[in-house]
């Protein structure tokens, strides 16, 4: 199966270098028209974004640059407006822009915590909000959030970054449900790559192995017409994996064990993975708990 994106319009944030640049070049190679977003100067111009646009045009593609600060919704709206003026639609949104302000939680200022949340989480929300109605009305959209293993598993010194990245998983879960009837598919990418943000964190041979170019095939896949939805795709160094959140079956403690002591006594059974499954919505957990309680008390919920 060849993924051709001829005529589709893709917005990639933080695309002036690193992963974003590679994503932009990869989508352009497949025929997409690209909005290369990278934080601009006081006049809204980004030299990095302009350079990527030049690369795409030299290869025969179509691209425009925009210097929107993704944390400012008015600037994001202007970026989307320019994409619509140029090509009349937006098919793909890759939320890639981000920053780091690493410190242990003890030493981290609230300003640094808030800044990372604003750029990663609210920047993603702003961009997604700006294209959501467009994609619903055209009954087509592919949106990718950039999460991280730091959010999925934790990483020392990255409480702000981890919180923002895990929040994107919750956002994906709900927007997957809300976008399904209009063919808007929402996924997360959890990349590991040697970029300016990670330079110095890996030994040099590992840094070279984990090239941004080895991640971008995942973006092409998630941006394609046959993309899945509500998936967390890990990518790095040519390897790919899927993260899934499972929940144990659990047990009900009614009527006489509904205490902290009852939980402690039943902990091994509560924590038992034998019948663990992946739930598809928050309501599914509610239904499970209601059924367990009803069965324990002999209540017929069909009445």
Protein backbone atom coordinates (compact mmCIF):
# COMPACT_ATOMS: atom_id res chain seq x y z
CA UNK A 1 0.00 0.00 0.00
CA UNK A 2 1.45 3.33 -1.10
CA UNK A 3 0.38 6.39 0.87
CA UNK A 4 -0.18 9.23 -1.54
CA UNK A 5 -1.24 12.56 -0.05
CA UNK A 6 -1.48 14.59 -3.27
CA UNK A 7 -3.39 17.83 -2.72
CA UNK A 8 -3.87 17.33 1.01
CA UNK A 9 -2.91 20.18 3.30
CA UNK A 10 -0.79 19.56 6.38
CA UNK A 11 0.13 21.92 9.22
CA UNK A 12 3.22 20.89 11.19
CA UNK A 13 4.11 22.91 14.29
CA UNK A 14 7.69 23.31 15.44
CA UNK A 15 8.78 22.31 11.95
CA UNK A 16 11.81 24.55 11.56
CA UNK A 17 14.26 21.85 12.59
CA UNK A 18 14.58 18.42 14.18
CA UNK A 19 11.58 16.11 14.14
CA UNK A 20 9.19 18.74 12.79
CA UNK A 21 11.41 19.47 9.80
CA UNK A 22 11.68 15.76 8.99
CA UNK A 23 7.90 15.38 9.33
CA UNK A 24 7.34 18.29 6.95
CA UNK A 25 9.76 16.93 4.35
CA UNK A 26 8.29 13.42 4.60
CA UNK A 27 4.71 14.62 4.09
CA UNK A 28 5.75 16.93 1.26
CA UNK A 29 7.49 14.01 -0.44
CA UNK A 30 4.14 12.22 -0.45
CA UNK A 31 2.48 15.16 -2.19
CA UNK A 32 1.00 17.15 0.68
CA UNK A 33 0.99 20.95 0.70
CA UNK A 34 2.76 22.04 3.88
CA UNK A 35 2.37 24.84 6.39
CA UNK A 36 5.75 24.95 8.11
CA UNK A 37 5.23 26.48 11.54
CA UNK A 38 8.13 27.62 13.69
CA UNK A 39 8.20 30.35 16.32
CA UNK A 40 8.91 33.62 14.56
CA UNK A 41 10.66 36.83 15.51
CA UNK A 42 8.98 40.14 16.37
CA UNK A 43 7.85 40.40 12.76
CA UNK A 44 6.47 36.86 12.67
CA UNK A 45 9.28 35.54 10.50
CA UNK A 46 11.20 32.34 11.23
CA UNK A 47 14.45 31.78 9.37
CA UNK A 48 14.24 28.06 10.15
CA UNK A 49 10.71 27.76 8.78
CA UNK A 50 11.65 29.70 5.65
CA UNK A 51 14.60 27.37 5.09
CA UNK A 52 12.36 24.29 5.28
CA UNK A 53 9.89 25.89 2.87
CA UNK A 54 12.78 26.48 0.47
CA UNK A 55 13.81 22.81 0.75
CA UNK A 56 10.29 21.66 -0.06
CA UNK A 57 9.95 24.01 -3.03
CA UNK A 58 13.33 23.02 -4.41
CA UNK A 59 12.11 19.41 -4.41
CA UNK A 60 9.01 20.43 -6.37
CA UNK A 61 6.58 20.69 -3.47
CA UNK A 62 4.31 23.44 -2.17
CA UNK A 63 4.78 25.08 1.22
CA UNK A 64 4.31 28.28 3.16
CA UNK A 65 5.89 29.39 6.43
CA UNK A 66 4.17 30.77 9.51
CA UNK A 67 5.75 32.00 12.74
CA UNK A 68 2.77 31.50 15.08
CA UNK A 69 3.40 31.01 18.77
CA UNK A 70 1.18 27.97 19.32
CA UNK A 71 0.45 29.12 22.88
CA UNK A 72 -1.39 32.17 21.45
CA UNK A 73 -4.72 31.22 19.89
CA UNK A 74 -5.04 34.37 17.78
CA UNK A 75 -1.75 33.59 16.07
CA UNK A 76 -2.80 30.00 15.48
CA UNK A 77 -6.09 31.19 13.97
CA UNK A 78 -4.12 33.37 11.57
CA UNK A 79 -1.96 30.40 10.57
CA UNK A 80 -5.02 28.27 9.82
CA UNK A 81 -6.63 31.17 7.95
CA UNK A 82 -3.57 31.46 5.72
CA UNK A 83 -3.67 27.72 5.01
CA UNK A 84 -7.33 28.00 4.04
CA UNK A 85 -6.67 31.06 1.86
CA UNK A 86 -3.85 29.22 0.08
CA UNK A 87 -5.45 25.81 -0.41
CA UNK A 88 -9.04 25.84 0.85
CA UNK A 89 -8.77 22.99 3.33
CA UNK A 90 -6.75 21.46 6.18
CA UNK A 91 -6.46 17.67 6.18
CA UNK A 92 -3.57 16.97 8.54
CA UNK A 93 -2.38 18.57 11.77
CA UNK A 94 0.87 17.44 13.35
CA UNK A 95 1.26 18.97 16.82
CA UNK A 96 5.01 18.81 17.30
CA UNK A 97 6.09 22.15 18.85
CA UNK A 98 7.60 21.95 22.31
CA UNK A 99 10.17 23.19 24.79
CA UNK A 100 11.98 21.84 27.85
CA UNK A 101 12.45 23.41 31.27
CA UNK A 102 13.91 20.45 33.17
CA UNK A 103 14.46 20.53 36.93
CA UNK A 104 13.48 18.34 39.84
CA UNK A 105 9.99 19.17 41.09
CA UNK A 106 11.48 20.52 44.31
CA UNK A 107 13.52 23.11 42.42
CA UNK A 108 11.11 23.80 39.56
CA UNK A 109 9.39 27.19 39.56
CA UNK A 110 5.66 27.34 38.89
CA UNK A 111 6.41 29.68 36.00
CA UNK A 112 8.50 26.98 34.32
CA UNK A 113 5.80 24.40 35.00
CA UNK A 114 3.12 26.65 33.49
CA UNK A 115 5.23 27.59 30.46
CA UNK A 116 5.76 23.97 29.44
CA UNK A 117 2.05 23.24 29.90
CA UNK A 118 1.17 26.31 27.82
CA UNK A 119 3.41 25.34 24.90
CA UNK A 120 2.92 21.57 24.83
CA UNK A 121 -0.63 21.07 26.03
CA UNK A 122 -2.37 24.38 25.33
CA UNK A 123 -0.40 24.79 22.10
CA UNK A 124 -1.80 21.43 20.99
CA UNK A 125 -5.29 22.40 22.14
CA UNK A 126 -5.11 25.75 20.31
CA UNK A 127 -4.04 24.22 17.02
CA UNK A 128 -6.55 21.39 17.24
CA UNK A 129 -9.39 23.75 18.14
CA UNK A 130 -8.53 25.97 15.18
CA UNK A 131 -8.87 23.11 12.65
CA UNK A 132 -11.53 20.98 14.36
CA UNK A 133 -14.62 22.53 12.75
CA UNK A 134 -12.91 22.59 9.35
CA UNK A 135 -12.15 18.88 9.53
CA UNK A 136 -15.63 17.97 10.78
CA UNK A 137 -17.32 19.94 8.01
CA UNK A 138 -15.18 18.34 5.30
CA UNK A 139 -15.68 14.91 6.94
CA UNK A 140 -11.97 14.23 6.93
CA UNK A 141 -9.08 14.92 9.25
CA UNK A 142 -5.94 13.35 10.64
CA UNK A 143 -4.52 14.79 13.87
CA UNK A 144 -1.37 13.68 15.67
CA UNK A 145 -0.38 14.73 19.19
CA UNK A 146 3.25 14.32 20.23
CA UNK A 147 3.28 12.56 23.58
CA UNK A 148 6.39 11.05 25.21
CA UNK A 149 7.65 8.08 27.18
CA UNK A 150 8.29 10.68 29.89
CA UNK A 151 4.54 11.08 30.22
CA UNK A 152 3.68 7.41 29.80
CA UNK A 153 6.28 6.16 32.28
CA UNK A 154 7.78 9.19 34.04
CA UNK A 155 11.25 10.71 33.88
CA UNK A 156 13.22 12.34 36.67
CA UNK A 157 13.32 16.14 36.38
CA UNK A 158 10.45 16.39 33.92
CA UNK A 159 7.30 16.78 36.01
CA UNK A 160 6.07 19.67 33.83
CA UNK A 161 6.86 17.94 30.53
CA UNK A 162 5.48 14.59 31.72
CA UNK A 163 2.22 16.15 32.90
CA UNK A 164 1.71 17.90 29.56
CA UNK A 165 2.54 14.80 27.54
CA UNK A 166 0.22 12.49 29.47
CA UNK A 167 -2.58 15.06 29.23
CA UNK A 168 -2.43 14.66 25.46
CA UNK A 169 -3.40 11.01 25.84
CA UNK A 170 -6.58 12.03 27.63
CA UNK A 171 -7.29 14.65 24.98
CA UNK A 172 -6.80 12.05 22.25
CA UNK A 173 -9.15 9.58 23.94
CA UNK A 174 -12.04 12.03 23.97
CA UNK A 175 -11.46 13.64 20.57
CA UNK A 176 -11.28 10.15 19.03
CA UNK A 177 -14.86 9.62 20.23
CA UNK A 178 -16.07 13.08 19.20
CA UNK A 179 -14.46 12.98 15.75
CA UNK A 180 -15.30 9.42 14.73
CA UNK A 181 -18.57 10.10 12.90
CA UNK A 182 -16.86 12.76 10.76
CA UNK A 183 -13.83 10.62 9.88
CA UNK A 184 -11.49 12.70 12.04
CA UNK A 185 -8.89 10.30 13.42
CA UNK A 186 -6.75 11.33 16.37
CA UNK A 187 -3.57 9.57 17.48
CA UNK A 188 -0.46 10.15 19.57
CA UNK A 189 3.16 9.72 18.54
CA UNK A 190 5.70 8.94 21.27
CA UNK A 191 9.04 9.59 19.55
CA UNK A 192 12.59 9.02 20.70
CA UNK A 193 15.04 11.00 18.60
CA UNK A 194 18.38 12.72 18.68
CA UNK A 195 17.48 16.40 18.27
CA UNK A 196 18.47 19.77 19.71
CA UNK A 197 16.09 19.07 22.62
CA UNK A 198 17.81 15.77 23.48
CA UNK A 199 21.41 16.60 22.59
CA UNK A 200 23.71 15.62 25.43
CA UNK A 201 21.21 13.14 26.90
CA UNK A 202 22.42 10.18 24.81
CA UNK A 203 25.89 8.80 24.02
CA UNK A 204 26.98 9.87 20.53
CA UNK A 205 26.41 6.47 18.82
CA UNK A 206 22.88 6.31 20.28
CA UNK A 207 22.23 9.93 19.28
CA UNK A 208 23.14 9.10 15.66
CA UNK A 209 21.05 5.90 15.64
CA UNK A 210 17.98 7.74 16.92
CA UNK A 211 17.77 10.04 13.91
CA UNK A 212 14.64 12.16 13.38
CA UNK A 213 14.37 10.64 9.90
CA UNK A 214 13.77 7.22 11.47
CA UNK A 215 10.66 8.55 13.24
CA UNK A 216 8.88 10.37 10.41
CA UNK A 217 7.52 7.24 8.64
CA UNK A 218 5.21 6.97 11.66
CA UNK A 219 3.86 10.45 10.91
CA UNK A 220 3.20 9.54 7.27
CA UNK A 221 1.32 6.45 8.45
CA UNK A 222 -0.75 8.32 11.06
CA UNK A 223 -1.52 11.09 8.54
CA UNK A 224 -2.63 8.67 5.84
CA UNK A 225 -6.16 7.81 4.69
CA UNK A 226 -6.04 4.39 6.37
CA UNK A 227 -4.68 5.65 9.69
CA UNK A 228 -6.06 4.08 12.86
CA UNK A 229 -7.48 6.21 15.65
CA UNK A 230 -6.86 6.41 19.41
CA UNK A 231 -3.44 4.76 19.18
CA UNK A 232 -0.18 5.70 20.87
CA UNK A 233 2.59 4.80 18.43
CA UNK A 234 6.12 4.69 19.79
CA UNK A 235 8.94 5.32 17.30
CA UNK A 236 12.71 5.56 17.46
CA UNK A 237 15.79 4.28 15.65
CA UNK A 238 13.68 2.36 13.13
CA UNK A 239 11.65 0.56 15.81
CA UNK A 240 7.90 0.98 16.34
CA UNK A 241 5.57 -0.12 19.14
CA UNK A 242 2.10 0.59 20.51
CA UNK A 243 1.44 1.64 24.10
CA UNK A 244 -1.87 0.46 25.55
CA UNK A 245 -3.52 1.26 28.85
CA UNK A 246 -5.10 -1.80 30.49
CA UNK A 247 -7.30 -2.14 33.55
CA UNK A 248 -7.59 -5.17 35.79
CA UNK A 249 -11.01 -6.79 36.07
CA UNK A 250 -11.13 -5.95 39.77
CA UNK A 251 -13.60 -7.19 42.39
CA UNK A 252 -16.53 -5.74 44.29
CA UNK A 253 -16.32 -5.45 48.10
CA UNK A 254 -20.02 -4.99 48.87
CA UNK A 255 -21.68 -5.41 51.25
CA UNK A 256 -19.38 -5.99 54.24
CA UNK A 257 -15.82 -5.41 52.98
CA UNK A 258 -16.20 -1.82 51.78
CA UNK A 259 -13.35 -0.45 53.88
CA UNK A 260 -9.70 0.46 53.45
CA UNK A 261 -8.91 -2.74 55.28
CA UNK A 262 -11.09 -4.65 52.82
CA UNK A 263 -9.10 -3.17 49.92
CA UNK A 264 -5.83 -4.15 51.59
CA UNK A 265 -7.08 -7.69 52.19
CA UNK A 266 -8.26 -8.05 48.59
CA UNK A 267 -5.31 -6.25 47.02
CA UNK A 268 -3.84 -9.27 45.25
CA UNK A 269 -7.20 -9.98 43.59
CA UNK A 270 -7.76 -6.32 42.69
CA UNK A 271 -4.27 -6.18 41.17
CA UNK A 272 -4.61 -9.55 39.35
CA UNK A 273 -3.84 -9.17 35.63
CA UNK A 274 -5.46 -12.43 34.54
CA UNK A 275 -8.60 -10.81 33.06
CA UNK A 276 -7.09 -7.43 32.33
CA UNK A 277 -8.45 -5.63 29.25
CA UNK A 278 -8.19 -2.35 27.35
CA UNK A 279 -11.28 -0.19 27.84
CA UNK A 280 -12.60 1.99 25.03
CA UNK A 281 -14.24 4.80 27.05
CA UNK A 282 -14.70 6.07 30.58
CA UNK A 283 -18.31 4.88 30.53
CA UNK A 284 -17.12 1.31 29.98
CA UNK A 285 -15.44 1.39 33.39
CA UNK A 286 -18.62 2.80 34.96
CA UNK A 287 -20.68 0.02 33.40
CA UNK A 288 -18.24 -2.63 34.63
CA UNK A 289 -18.34 -1.37 38.20
CA UNK A 290 -22.13 -1.10 38.15
CA UNK A 291 -22.48 -4.67 36.88
CA UNK A 292 -20.08 -6.02 39.50
CA UNK A 293 -21.96 -4.28 42.29
CA UNK A 294 -25.33 -5.41 40.97
CA UNK A 295 -24.19 -9.01 40.74
CA UNK A 296 -22.83 -8.91 44.29
CA UNK A 297 -26.11 -7.52 45.69
CA UNK A 298 -28.45 -9.49 43.42
CA UNK A 299 -29.83 -6.35 41.75
CA UNK A 300 -31.41 -6.60 38.27
CA UNK A 301 -30.22 -3.53 36.36
CA UNK A 302 -32.51 -4.24 33.41
CA UNK A 303 -35.58 -3.08 35.34
